[in-house]
Amino acid sequence: MERLNDLFGPSKYLIVLDLFLQNPEDFMNLREVARRTDKNPASVMKVLPILVDRNYISLTRIGAKVVAYRLNKDNKKVKLLLEFLQKLEEEEF
């Protein structure tokens, strides 16, 4: 479920961010993010650097050319988003 996208309207940025919020422990490469969001890798590649620059996700180098992304759970805004989404889920039931 794309919770943020449902709440705030269609946005690739929100779809990708929501994927990381729903899977806070997962490391994902570009292709995995594209597959899980059902989006073109080229369009996902435009979003990932923005999320990294804003410190919502972190980038980890696995090899010379391979990188993986993961939710930055130390970011205060990310913590607030996780709390907000948890409360939102509680209210829906």
C-alpha atoms as a PDB file:
ATOM      1  CA  MET A   1       0.000   0.000   0.000  1.00  0.00           C
ATOM      2  CA  GLU A   2       1.334   3.417  -0.933  1.00  0.00           C
ATOM      3  CA  ARG A   3       0.176   5.231   2.170  1.00  0.00           C
ATOM      4  CA  LEU A   4       1.781   8.629   1.572  1.00  0.00           C
ATOM      5  CA  ASN A   5       0.822   8.614  -2.086  1.00  0.00           C
ATOM      6  CA  ASP A   6      -2.795   7.807  -1.188  1.00  0.00           C
ATOM      7  CA  LEU A   7      -2.852  10.585   1.374  1.00  0.00           C
ATOM      8  CA  PHE A   8      -1.057  13.378  -0.493  1.00  0.00           C
ATOM      9  CA  GLY A   9      -1.591  12.550  -4.170  1.00  0.00           C
ATOM     10  CA  PRO A  10       0.457  10.883  -6.900  1.00  0.00           C
ATOM     11  CA  SER A  11       4.196  11.363  -6.713  1.00  0.00           C
ATOM     12  CA  LYS A  12       7.114   9.063  -7.563  1.00  0.00           C
ATOM     13  CA  TYR A  13       9.002  10.718  -4.722  1.00  0.00           C
ATOM     14  CA  LEU A  14       6.324   9.699  -2.191  1.00  0.00           C
ATOM     15  CA  ILE A  15       6.012   6.196  -3.635  1.00  0.00           C
ATOM     16  CA  VAL A  16       9.739   5.572  -3.225  1.00  0.00           C
ATOM     17  CA  LEU A  17       9.905   7.181   0.221  1.00  0.00           C
ATOM     18  CA  ASP A  18       6.906   5.137   1.347  1.00  0.00           C
ATOM     19  CA  LEU A  19       8.615   1.933   0.194  1.00  0.00           C
ATOM     20  CA  PHE A  20      11.550   2.676   2.501  1.00  0.00           C
ATOM     21  CA  LEU A  21       9.219   3.653   5.361  1.00  0.00           C
ATOM     22  CA  GLN A  22       7.377   0.344   5.000  1.00  0.00           C
ATOM     23  CA  ASN A  23      10.668  -1.594   4.895  1.00  0.00           C
ATOM     24  CA  PRO A  24      12.961   0.273   7.302  1.00  0.00           C
ATOM     25  CA  GLU A  25      15.428  -2.590   7.740  1.00  0.00           C
ATOM     26  CA  ASP A  26      15.840  -3.494   4.055  1.00  0.00           C
ATOM     27  CA  PHE A  27      18.824  -2.610   1.907  1.00  0.00           C
ATOM     28  CA  MET A  28      17.682  -2.135  -1.701  1.00  0.00           C
ATOM     29  CA  ASN A  29      19.521  -1.371  -4.910  1.00  0.00           C
ATOM     30  CA  LEU A  30      18.058   0.671  -7.758  1.00  0.00           C
ATOM     31  CA  ARG A  31      16.554  -2.325  -9.542  1.00  0.00           C
ATOM     32  CA  GLU A  32      14.921  -3.619  -6.365  1.00  0.00           C
ATOM     33  CA  VAL A  33      13.330  -0.235  -5.643  1.00  0.00           C
ATOM     34  CA  ALA A  34      12.078  -0.050  -9.236  1.00  0.00           C
ATOM     35  CA  ARG A  35      10.694  -3.595  -9.051  1.00  0.00           C
ATOM     36  CA  ARG A  36       8.932  -3.082  -5.717  1.00  0.00           C
ATOM     37  CA  THR A  37       7.403   0.223  -6.784  1.00  0.00           C
ATOM     38  CA  ASP A  38       6.604  -0.979 -10.309  1.00  0.00           C
ATOM     39  CA  LYS A  39       8.373   2.082 -11.733  1.00  0.00           C
ATOM     40  CA  ASN A  40      10.955   2.527 -14.451  1.00  0.00           C
ATOM     41  CA  PRO A  41      14.539   2.383 -13.060  1.00  0.00           C
ATOM     42  CA  ALA A  42      15.363   5.645 -14.866  1.00  0.00           C
ATOM     43  CA  SER A  43      12.596   7.511 -13.052  1.00  0.00           C
ATOM     44  CA  VAL A  44      13.530   5.922  -9.711  1.00  0.00           C
ATOM     45  CA  MET A  45      17.147   6.975 -10.283  1.00  0.00           C
ATOM     46  CA  LYS A  46      15.995  10.602 -10.400  1.00  0.00           C
ATOM     47  CA  VAL A  47      14.297  10.282  -7.005  1.00  0.00           C
ATOM     48  CA  LEU A  48      16.960   8.401  -5.026  1.00  0.00           C
ATOM     49  CA  PRO A  49      19.587  11.200  -5.025  1.00  0.00           C
ATOM     50  CA  ILE A  50      16.978  13.643  -3.713  1.00  0.00           C
ATOM     51  CA  LEU A  51      16.128  11.315  -0.827  1.00  0.00           C
ATOM     52  CA  VAL A  52      19.840  10.828  -0.098  1.00  0.00           C
ATOM     53  CA  ASP A  53      20.500  14.599  -0.222  1.00  0.00           C
ATOM     54  CA  ARG A  54      17.645  15.194   2.215  1.00  0.00           C
ATOM     55  CA  ASN A  55      19.068  12.474   4.459  1.00  0.00           C
ATOM     56  CA  TYR A  56      15.865  10.387   4.381  1.00  0.00           C
ATOM     57  CA  ILE A  57      17.749   7.385   3.041  1.00  0.00           C
ATOM     58  CA  SER A  58      21.406   6.456   3.227  1.00  0.00           C
ATOM     59  CA  LEU A  59      23.606   5.135   0.459  1.00  0.00           C
ATOM     60  CA  THR A  60      25.986   2.238   1.123  1.00  0.00           C
ATOM     61  CA  ARG A  61      28.654   1.168  -1.352  1.00  0.00           C
ATOM     62  CA  ILE A  62      28.747  -2.611  -1.695  1.00  0.00           C
ATOM     63  CA  GLY A  63      31.293  -2.781  -4.504  1.00  0.00           C
ATOM     64  CA  ALA A  64      33.056  -0.555  -6.970  1.00  0.00           C
ATOM     65  CA  LYS A  65      29.831   0.113  -8.879  1.00  0.00           C
ATOM     66  CA  VAL A  66      27.110  -1.374  -6.675  1.00  0.00           C
ATOM     67  CA  VAL A  67      25.230   0.714  -4.122  1.00  0.00           C
ATOM     68  CA  ALA A  68      22.337  -0.043  -1.819  1.00  0.00           C
ATOM     69  CA  TYR A  69      19.903   2.295  -0.124  1.00  0.00           C
ATOM     70  CA  ARG A  70      18.253   2.070   3.275  1.00  0.00           C
ATOM     71  CA  LEU A  71      15.965   4.244   5.363  1.00  0.00           C
ATOM     72  CA  ASN A  72      17.906   6.604   7.627  1.00  0.00           C
ATOM     73  CA  LYS A  73      16.166   5.873  10.916  1.00  0.00           C
ATOM     74  CA  ASP A  74      18.395   8.393  12.729  1.00  0.00           C
ATOM     75  CA  ASN A  75      16.835  11.321  10.854  1.00  0.00           C
ATOM     76  CA  LYS A  76      14.312  13.189  13.047  1.00  0.00           C
ATOM     77  CA  LYS A  77      11.932  13.765  10.140  1.00  0.00           C
ATOM     78  CA  VAL A  78      12.006  10.062   9.280  1.00  0.00           C
ATOM     79  CA  LYS A  79      11.212   9.208  12.904  1.00  0.00           C
ATOM     80  CA  LEU A  80       8.247  11.596  12.792  1.00  0.00           C
ATOM     81  CA  LEU A  81       7.021  10.092   9.514  1.00  0.00           C
ATOM     82  CA  LEU A  82       7.212   6.580  10.966  1.00  0.00           C
ATOM     83  CA  GLU A  83       5.248   7.710  14.034  1.00  0.00           C
ATOM     84  CA  PHE A  84       2.703   9.509  11.853  1.00  0.00           C
ATOM     85  CA  LEU A  85       2.152   6.467   9.645  1.00  0.00           C
ATOM     86  CA  GLN A  86       1.809   4.220  12.687  1.00  0.00           C
ATOM     87  CA  LYS A  87      -0.862   6.511  14.153  1.00  0.00           C
ATOM     88  CA  LEU A  88      -2.580   6.709  10.790  1.00  0.00           C
ATOM     89  CA  GLU A  89      -2.784   2.905  10.644  1.00  0.00           C
ATOM     90  CA  GLU A  90      -4.195   2.788  14.182  1.00  0.00           C
ATOM     91  CA  GLU A  91      -6.902   5.292  13.260  1.00  0.00           C
ATOM     92  CA  GLU A  92      -7.976   3.353  10.173  1.00  0.00           C
ATOM     93  CA  PHE A  93      -8.999   0.351  12.268  1.00  0.00           C
END
